[in-house]
Every structure is written in structure tokens, then in C-alpha cells.
Amino acid sequence: MRHRRFLAAAGLATAASLTVYQLTPEPAARTSVVAASADLPAGATLDRHQLTTVQLPPQAVPEGSYRDPTPLLGRRLATPLRRGQVLDDTSLTGPGLLTGTPPGTTAVPLRMSDPSSLRILSPGQLIDVILSPASGPETPTAGDPGPQVLASQVTVLWIGQGDKNSGSWLGGDESPGLVVVGATSAQSRSLAGVQRQGRLSFVLVR
């Protein structure tokens, strides 16, 4: 009799365990993606200490994100990142700068005459690029046409940080005053070699 009771109790316990197992939902699938381990400025050169991985639901993983930090080592940020923010191809200098821009857009590097003016800029802003005579607007010489708008409403893609630790979009350390804009083919022709023609500046536009 006791043996039967023991078998019955064991059977009930097994049935209860199976019921609990069947009712417990399986853990949701997660995907490992690379994110910033600290707040990082635009132009930062990435190393392992600045990168971590986070787990996200597959539907929340951004396009162009990275599963492994290794390909990112030594790359430079085009935009600032907050701690925990996922990196994607648009976060980096290089071809990703043109992601999402209209077909035919080109990335044009320009060196502004006043590097400190770049402090008010951030990627995504629109600017008009202005060329002033080399003699300066205050002391124009005969024949100088005066300030000219070379390109209107071009998008800021990347901004040099002005220090040797930030690196350059062009792969060197000469970034003071450097800004990269997205321009149409016609605008890029107007902007080609303008640094040799006078002083470059910009105005913010809406």
C-alpha cells in the first residue's frame, strides 16, 4: 500500500514538473552587438577599452551594426556616442558618412580659416560655404569680387576636433578647421581647391 502511494506521489510530482516546464516560456532570442562603453567624442580613435557588447532582441538590432569589435579597432568616429549606444556604419568616418544621402552626393573636405568656428557645428546641420578674398573683407583690393556663397545648404558630415589624438577623416593628424560636407556634383566642383583662392567660412542655415 505504501509502495502504491509512493508511486502515485512520484507520478503527480513528475506531472507537475512537466506542466511547469511546458508553461515556462523559452528565453527570448538575443543578438550581441557592439556599443560604446563610455561617452565618446566625434573623431575618437576606437580601441578595445572604448567598446563593449550588448544583447538586443533581433528586431531591435540596427542596420549596419557590428557583432564583433575587432574590425572597429583603429577606426574613427564620425559622430559622438553616448555610453551604451550601438555603433553602426554611419558612426564611422569613411564611406559610411554618405549612408542615407541622395544618390550622387559626394563627401567634400574643407578647411575653414577660423578653426574655432567649428565649435558651433555638429553633424547633420546645414551650412552655406562662403569664400572671402584672401586680402580680407575689411581691406579688399581692386578687382576682388567680395564674399561669395560657393555652396548653399550643404550637410555637415564630419568635423575635425583640432587635436592630434582625434585623428583626421583624411587619415592624418591635421584636422584643425577641417569639416566634411555632403555636396552635389555641381557643388563639389565649385568647392574644389577653394582654399587656394581665399578664406573659407560658413553660416548656419535652416
Protein backbone atom coordinates (compact mmCIF):
# COMPACT_ATOMS: atom_id res chain seq x y z
CA MET A 1 0.00 0.00 0.00
CA ARG A 2 2.77 2.38 0.93
CA HIS A 3 4.57 1.46 -2.27
CA ARG A 4 1.49 2.37 -4.32
CA ARG A 5 1.16 5.69 -2.52
CA PHE A 6 4.81 6.45 -3.18
CA LEU A 7 4.42 5.68 -6.87
CA ALA A 8 1.29 7.85 -7.07
CA ALA A 9 3.03 10.76 -5.36
CA ALA A 10 6.04 10.40 -7.64
CA GLY A 11 3.75 10.37 -10.65
CA LEU A 12 1.98 13.53 -9.52
CA ALA A 13 5.31 15.29 -8.91
CA THR A 14 6.54 14.33 -12.37
CA ALA A 15 3.32 15.54 -13.97
CA ALA A 16 3.54 18.85 -12.09
CA SER A 17 7.15 19.31 -13.19
CA LEU A 18 6.23 18.66 -16.81
CA THR A 19 3.36 21.14 -16.59
CA VAL A 20 5.61 23.86 -15.16
CA TYR A 21 8.23 23.16 -17.86
CA GLN A 22 5.63 23.41 -20.61
CA LEU A 23 4.17 26.66 -19.22
CA THR A 24 7.56 28.36 -18.78
CA PRO A 25 8.30 30.45 -21.89
CA GLU A 26 11.61 29.91 -23.62
CA PRO A 27 14.14 32.74 -23.17
CA ALA A 28 13.76 35.36 -25.88
CA ALA A 29 16.44 35.25 -28.56
CA ARG A 30 19.11 37.91 -28.20
CA THR A 31 21.78 39.20 -30.56
CA SER A 32 25.16 40.51 -29.42
CA VAL A 33 26.09 43.90 -30.94
CA VAL A 34 28.96 46.33 -30.34
CA ALA A 35 28.29 49.50 -28.35
CA ALA A 36 30.29 52.32 -26.77
CA SER A 37 31.50 51.55 -23.25
CA ALA A 38 31.76 55.28 -22.41
CA ASP A 39 30.77 58.66 -23.81
CA LEU A 40 32.97 59.17 -26.89
CA PRO A 41 33.60 62.36 -28.89
CA ALA A 42 33.49 62.62 -32.67
CA GLY A 43 36.92 61.87 -34.11
CA ALA A 44 37.88 59.42 -31.35
CA THR A 45 40.10 56.53 -32.46
CA LEU A 46 38.48 53.34 -31.20
CA ASP A 47 40.25 50.78 -29.03
CA ARG A 48 39.02 47.76 -27.06
CA HIS A 49 38.58 49.76 -23.84
CA GLN A 50 36.04 52.03 -25.56
CA LEU A 51 33.91 49.18 -26.90
CA THR A 52 31.63 46.62 -25.31
CA THR A 53 28.82 44.32 -26.43
CA VAL A 54 25.16 44.48 -25.52
CA GLN A 55 22.35 41.99 -26.05
CA LEU A 56 19.35 43.13 -28.07
CA PRO A 57 16.24 41.45 -29.46
CA PRO A 58 16.83 40.69 -33.16
CA GLN A 59 14.16 43.19 -34.21
CA ALA A 60 15.96 45.97 -32.30
CA VAL A 61 19.36 45.47 -33.94
CA PRO A 62 20.15 48.48 -36.18
CA GLU A 63 21.11 48.01 -39.81
CA GLY A 64 24.85 48.21 -40.34
CA SER A 65 25.70 47.35 -36.73
CA TYR A 66 28.65 45.16 -35.74
CA ARG A 67 28.71 41.81 -33.92
CA ASP A 68 32.47 41.80 -33.31
CA PRO A 69 34.55 44.80 -32.16
CA THR A 70 37.73 43.66 -33.95
CA PRO A 71 37.00 45.36 -37.32
CA LEU A 72 36.36 48.62 -35.46
CA LEU A 73 39.74 48.89 -33.76
CA GLY A 74 41.65 51.89 -35.05
CA ARG A 75 38.61 53.34 -36.84
CA ARG A 76 37.48 56.91 -36.10
CA LEU A 77 34.07 58.12 -35.05
CA ALA A 78 32.23 60.50 -37.33
CA THR A 79 29.73 61.44 -34.61
CA PRO A 80 29.76 61.49 -30.80
CA LEU A 81 28.34 58.46 -29.00
CA ARG A 82 26.74 58.05 -25.60
CA ARG A 83 27.67 55.17 -23.32
CA GLY A 84 25.73 52.09 -24.40
CA GLN A 85 24.88 53.47 -27.84
CA VAL A 86 25.19 50.87 -30.60
CA LEU A 87 27.74 51.56 -33.35
CA ASP A 88 26.80 51.19 -36.99
CA ASP A 89 28.45 52.07 -40.30
CA THR A 90 27.18 55.65 -40.12
CA SER A 91 29.04 56.15 -36.82
CA LEU A 92 32.41 55.86 -38.54
CA THR A 93 34.43 58.04 -40.87
CA GLY A 94 34.77 56.70 -44.37
CA PRO A 95 32.14 55.51 -46.88
CA GLY A 96 29.50 55.25 -44.15
CA LEU A 97 29.40 59.05 -43.97
CA LEU A 98 27.29 59.08 -47.13
CA THR A 99 24.79 56.46 -45.95
CA GLY A 100 21.25 57.76 -46.47
CA THR A 101 22.28 60.74 -48.59
CA PRO A 102 20.72 61.33 -52.03
CA PRO A 103 22.32 59.49 -54.98
CA GLY A 104 25.25 61.42 -56.40
CA THR A 105 26.20 63.05 -53.09
CA THR A 106 29.94 63.45 -52.57
CA ALA A 107 31.91 63.96 -49.36
CA VAL A 108 33.99 67.14 -49.70
CA PRO A 109 36.66 68.07 -47.10
CA LEU A 110 37.03 71.80 -46.46
CA ARG A 111 39.40 73.66 -44.17
CA MET A 112 37.81 76.71 -42.58
CA SER A 113 40.05 79.71 -41.99
CA ASP A 114 38.89 80.01 -38.37
CA PRO A 115 39.09 76.55 -36.74
CA SER A 116 37.35 77.81 -33.60
CA SER A 117 34.18 78.43 -35.62
CA LEU A 118 33.66 74.67 -35.88
CA ARG A 119 32.71 74.53 -32.20
CA ILE A 120 29.16 75.55 -33.07
CA LEU A 121 28.79 72.80 -35.68
CA SER A 122 27.51 69.26 -35.33
CA PRO A 123 26.91 66.56 -37.95
CA GLY A 124 23.60 66.92 -39.77
CA GLN A 125 23.49 70.72 -39.71
CA LEU A 126 23.10 72.69 -42.94
CA ILE A 127 25.56 75.42 -43.84
CA ASP A 128 26.35 77.84 -46.65
CA VAL A 129 30.03 77.81 -47.58
CA ILE A 130 31.45 81.31 -48.16
CA LEU A 131 34.66 82.35 -49.90
CA SER A 132 36.12 85.74 -48.98
CA PRO A 133 39.06 87.46 -50.71
CA ALA A 134 42.46 86.49 -49.34
CA SER A 135 43.06 90.16 -48.52
CA GLY A 136 40.09 90.03 -46.15
CA PRO A 137 36.70 91.74 -46.32
CA GLU A 138 37.98 94.71 -44.31
CA THR A 139 40.79 95.54 -46.76
CA PRO A 140 39.61 94.48 -50.22
CA THR A 141 41.92 95.05 -53.15
CA ALA A 142 40.94 96.24 -56.59
CA GLY A 143 39.26 93.51 -58.58
CA ASP A 144 38.25 91.41 -55.56
CA PRO A 145 34.67 90.21 -56.08
CA GLY A 146 33.91 90.25 -52.35
CA PRO A 147 32.47 87.33 -50.35
CA GLN A 148 30.76 84.65 -52.45
CA VAL A 149 28.46 81.80 -51.48
CA LEU A 150 30.05 78.77 -53.12
CA ALA A 151 27.56 76.15 -51.95
CA SER A 152 24.19 76.52 -50.25
CA GLN A 153 22.59 74.18 -47.73
CA VAL A 154 25.27 71.51 -47.71
CA THR A 155 25.08 68.96 -44.90
CA VAL A 156 27.85 68.68 -42.32
CA LEU A 157 29.05 65.06 -42.26
CA TRP A 158 32.11 65.23 -40.02
CA ILE A 159 34.03 67.83 -38.02
CA GLY A 160 37.73 67.83 -37.13
CA GLN A 161 38.41 68.08 -33.41
CA GLY A 162 41.60 70.08 -33.73
CA ASP A 163 43.87 67.83 -31.69
CA LYS A 164 46.30 65.15 -32.72
CA ASN A 165 44.55 62.47 -30.65
CA SER A 166 41.30 62.78 -32.55
CA GLY A 167 42.77 61.88 -35.92
CA SER A 168 41.51 63.05 -39.27
CA TRP A 169 38.92 61.92 -41.77
CA LEU A 170 41.76 62.04 -44.30
CA GLY A 171 43.89 59.65 -42.23
CA GLY A 172 46.36 62.15 -40.74
CA ASP A 173 46.56 64.41 -37.74
CA GLU A 174 45.98 67.73 -39.50
CA SER A 175 42.36 68.27 -38.51
CA PRO A 176 42.16 71.87 -37.17
CA GLY A 177 39.50 73.68 -39.16
CA LEU A 178 38.59 70.61 -41.19
CA VAL A 179 34.95 69.87 -41.91
CA VAL A 180 33.49 67.34 -44.35
CA VAL A 181 30.24 68.24 -46.12
CA GLY A 182 27.88 66.33 -48.36
CA ALA A 183 27.60 68.14 -51.70
CA THR A 184 26.04 67.61 -55.10
CA SER A 185 28.37 67.06 -58.04
CA ALA A 186 27.90 70.71 -59.11
CA GLN A 187 28.63 71.98 -55.59
CA SER A 188 31.70 69.77 -55.28
CA ARG A 189 33.13 71.30 -58.47
CA SER A 190 32.60 74.78 -57.02
CA LEU A 191 34.32 73.76 -53.80
CA ALA A 192 37.33 72.04 -55.37
CA GLY A 193 40.56 73.79 -54.45
CA VAL A 194 38.86 76.83 -52.93
CA GLN A 195 41.35 77.05 -50.06
CA ARG A 196 43.89 78.44 -52.51
CA GLN A 197 41.52 81.18 -53.65
CA GLY A 198 40.80 82.92 -50.35
CA ARG A 199 39.41 82.49 -46.86
CA LEU A 200 36.67 79.94 -46.18
CA SER A 201 33.89 80.44 -43.67
CA PHE A 202 30.30 79.32 -43.24
CA VAL A 203 26.91 80.39 -41.97
CA LEU A 204 24.29 78.14 -40.42
CA VAL A 205 21.03 77.81 -42.34
CA ARG A 206 17.73 76.13 -41.61
